[in-house]
Protein backbone atom coordinates (compact mmCIF):
# COMPACT_ATOMS: atom_id res chain seq x y z
CA MET A 1 66.83 156.55 107.41
CA LYS A 2 68.07 154.95 110.39
CA ILE A 3 67.86 151.31 111.13
CA ARG A 4 69.05 149.59 114.47
CA LEU A 5 69.52 145.97 114.12
CA PRO A 6 69.92 144.76 117.84
CA LEU A 7 69.67 141.18 116.72
CA LEU A 8 69.34 141.65 113.01
CA ALA A 9 67.70 140.77 109.86
CA LEU A 10 65.75 140.59 106.75
CA ALA A 11 64.50 143.36 104.83
CA LEU A 12 61.40 142.61 103.30
CA GLY A 13 63.24 144.45 100.26
CA MET A 14 62.83 147.64 102.25
CA SER A 15 66.36 148.07 103.63
CA SER A 16 69.89 147.25 102.82
CA PRO A 17 71.79 146.13 105.69
CA LEU A 18 75.19 144.78 104.75
CA VAL A 19 76.95 142.10 106.25
CA HIS A 20 80.54 140.47 106.07
CA ALA A 21 81.76 137.07 107.52
CA GLN A 22 84.17 138.97 109.92
CA MET A 23 81.58 141.52 110.99
CA LEU A 24 78.59 139.55 111.87
CA GLN A 25 77.75 136.38 113.95
CA PRO A 26 75.63 133.86 112.76
CA GLY A 27 72.26 132.99 114.39
CA LEU A 28 68.79 134.69 115.05
CA TRP A 29 68.70 138.35 113.91
CA GLU A 30 65.88 140.93 114.25
CA LEU A 31 65.41 144.01 112.02
CA THR A 32 63.80 147.10 113.22
CA THR A 33 63.36 150.30 111.35
CA SER A 34 62.39 153.82 112.03
CA ASN A 35 62.33 157.10 109.88
CA MET A 36 62.31 155.22 106.50
CA GLN A 37 61.47 157.36 103.43
CA VAL A 38 61.24 156.53 99.82
CA ASP A 39 61.29 159.59 97.54
CA GLY A 40 61.38 161.66 100.34
CA LYS A 41 58.07 160.53 101.53
CA PRO A 42 58.08 158.82 105.17
CA LEU A 43 57.12 155.19 105.34
CA PRO A 44 55.22 153.66 108.40
CA ASP A 45 57.67 152.33 110.93
CA MET A 46 58.12 148.64 111.76
CA ALA A 47 55.48 148.59 114.67
CA PHE A 48 53.02 150.20 112.43
CA MET A 49 53.57 147.41 109.79
CA LEU A 50 53.49 144.68 112.32
CA GLY A 51 50.36 145.81 113.56
CA GLN A 52 48.81 145.91 110.06
CA LEU A 53 49.90 142.14 109.88
CA LYS A 54 48.23 141.33 113.07
CA ASN A 55 45.09 142.95 111.91
CA LEU A 56 44.67 140.89 108.81
CA PRO A 57 42.01 138.09 108.71
CA PRO A 58 43.56 134.70 109.87
CA GLU A 59 43.82 133.39 106.45
CA GLN A 60 45.69 136.35 105.01
CA ARG A 61 47.96 136.49 107.79
CA ALA A 62 48.67 133.02 107.80
CA MET A 63 49.38 133.24 104.04
CA MET A 64 51.65 136.30 104.57
CA GLU A 65 53.76 134.45 107.41
CA GLY A 66 53.91 131.51 105.25
CA VAL A 67 55.49 133.59 102.51
CA LEU A 68 58.07 134.99 105.03
CA ALA A 69 58.71 131.67 106.57
CA LYS A 70 59.57 130.14 103.12
CA GLN A 71 62.33 133.00 103.22
CA GLY A 72 63.55 132.01 106.53
CA VAL A 73 61.79 134.90 108.29
CA THR A 74 59.26 135.15 111.12
CA VAL A 75 57.64 138.09 112.67
CA GLY A 76 58.26 138.95 116.38
CA GLY A 77 59.34 141.04 118.78
CA ASN A 78 59.58 144.47 117.45
CA GLY A 79 60.50 143.57 113.87
CA VAL A 80 60.95 140.48 111.70
CA ARG A 81 63.42 137.81 112.50
CA SER A 82 65.82 135.79 110.44
CA CYS A 83 68.54 133.08 111.16
CA LEU A 84 71.72 133.42 109.45
CA THR A 85 73.75 130.23 109.17
CA PRO A 86 77.60 130.02 109.49
CA GLU A 87 77.71 129.25 105.74
CA GLN A 88 75.54 132.22 104.67
CA VAL A 89 77.69 134.65 106.86
CA ALA A 90 80.82 133.04 105.29
CA THR A 91 79.91 133.43 101.79
CA ASN A 92 77.89 136.59 102.33
CA ASP A 93 74.80 134.76 101.01
CA ILE A 94 72.47 136.73 103.47
CA PRO A 95 68.57 136.56 102.75
CA LEU A 96 67.86 140.12 103.56
CA GLN A 97 65.37 140.70 100.77
CA ASP A 98 62.97 138.66 98.71
CA PRO A 99 64.96 137.46 95.51
CA LYS A 100 61.80 137.94 93.63
CA SER A 101 61.99 141.83 94.62
CA GLY A 102 64.64 142.61 91.87
CA CYS A 103 66.67 144.48 94.37
CA THR A 104 70.37 144.41 94.30
CA GLN A 105 73.15 146.01 96.60
CA LYS A 106 76.58 146.62 96.18
CA ILE A 107 79.50 147.47 98.87
CA THR A 108 81.26 150.34 97.37
CA ASP A 109 83.62 151.00 100.49
CA ARG A 110 84.77 149.08 103.45
CA THR A 111 86.78 151.30 106.03
CA GLY A 112 87.08 149.96 109.48
CA ASN A 113 83.62 149.50 110.98
CA VAL A 114 81.79 151.65 108.33
CA TRP A 115 80.70 150.25 105.09
CA LYS A 116 79.18 152.20 102.04
CA PHE A 117 76.75 150.80 99.80
CA GLN A 118 74.31 151.43 96.78
CA PHE A 119 71.06 149.61 96.24
CA SER A 120 68.98 149.55 93.42
CA CYS A 121 65.23 148.25 93.28
CA PRO A 122 62.72 148.28 90.42
CA LYS A 123 60.99 151.59 92.03
CA ALA A 124 63.73 153.08 93.95
CA GLN A 125 67.72 153.47 94.14
CA GLY A 126 70.36 155.22 96.36
CA SER A 127 73.02 154.63 98.86
CA GLY A 128 73.85 154.37 102.30
CA GLN A 129 76.24 153.64 105.18
CA ALA A 130 76.39 150.69 107.54
CA THR A 131 78.19 151.39 110.92
CA PHE A 132 78.84 147.97 112.67
CA LEU A 133 78.57 148.87 116.61
CA SER A 134 79.59 145.23 117.39
CA ASP A 135 79.29 141.71 115.75
CA ARG A 136 75.78 141.69 117.00
CA GLU A 137 74.55 145.44 116.19
CA LEU A 138 74.65 147.60 113.48
CA THR A 139 73.08 151.08 112.23
CA CYS A 140 72.42 151.84 108.59
CA ARG A 141 71.47 155.36 107.09
CA HIS A 142 70.08 155.63 103.61
């Protein structure tokens, strides 16, 4: 799976971007995904999922956007947006997944601009690697 984060972040529990105070800047980030798979089966890309959200009846869409907004996430551009505060970046308290999802992530190695990690969710687990292209962009492979 390859994830490019031109302005970062959230992950609706679907990805595990990793962050560190010295690697990322606080501010508005946008998460986009492509080539996602779970158990070897391809998942729809972010554009498809956003299209599905836009096609919901107004009441359901408002409800979904409200749930995301409570987590500091908005839908826009080519992905979902989340604002990272300086405090969140400094303490690695990054809301990249729904706290109710049951998912956890652990950084297993940090070498230069490459971080290796493991993640575990109730129905999926695995490992991956995040490569920091700058303090505003990273690519993840799971």
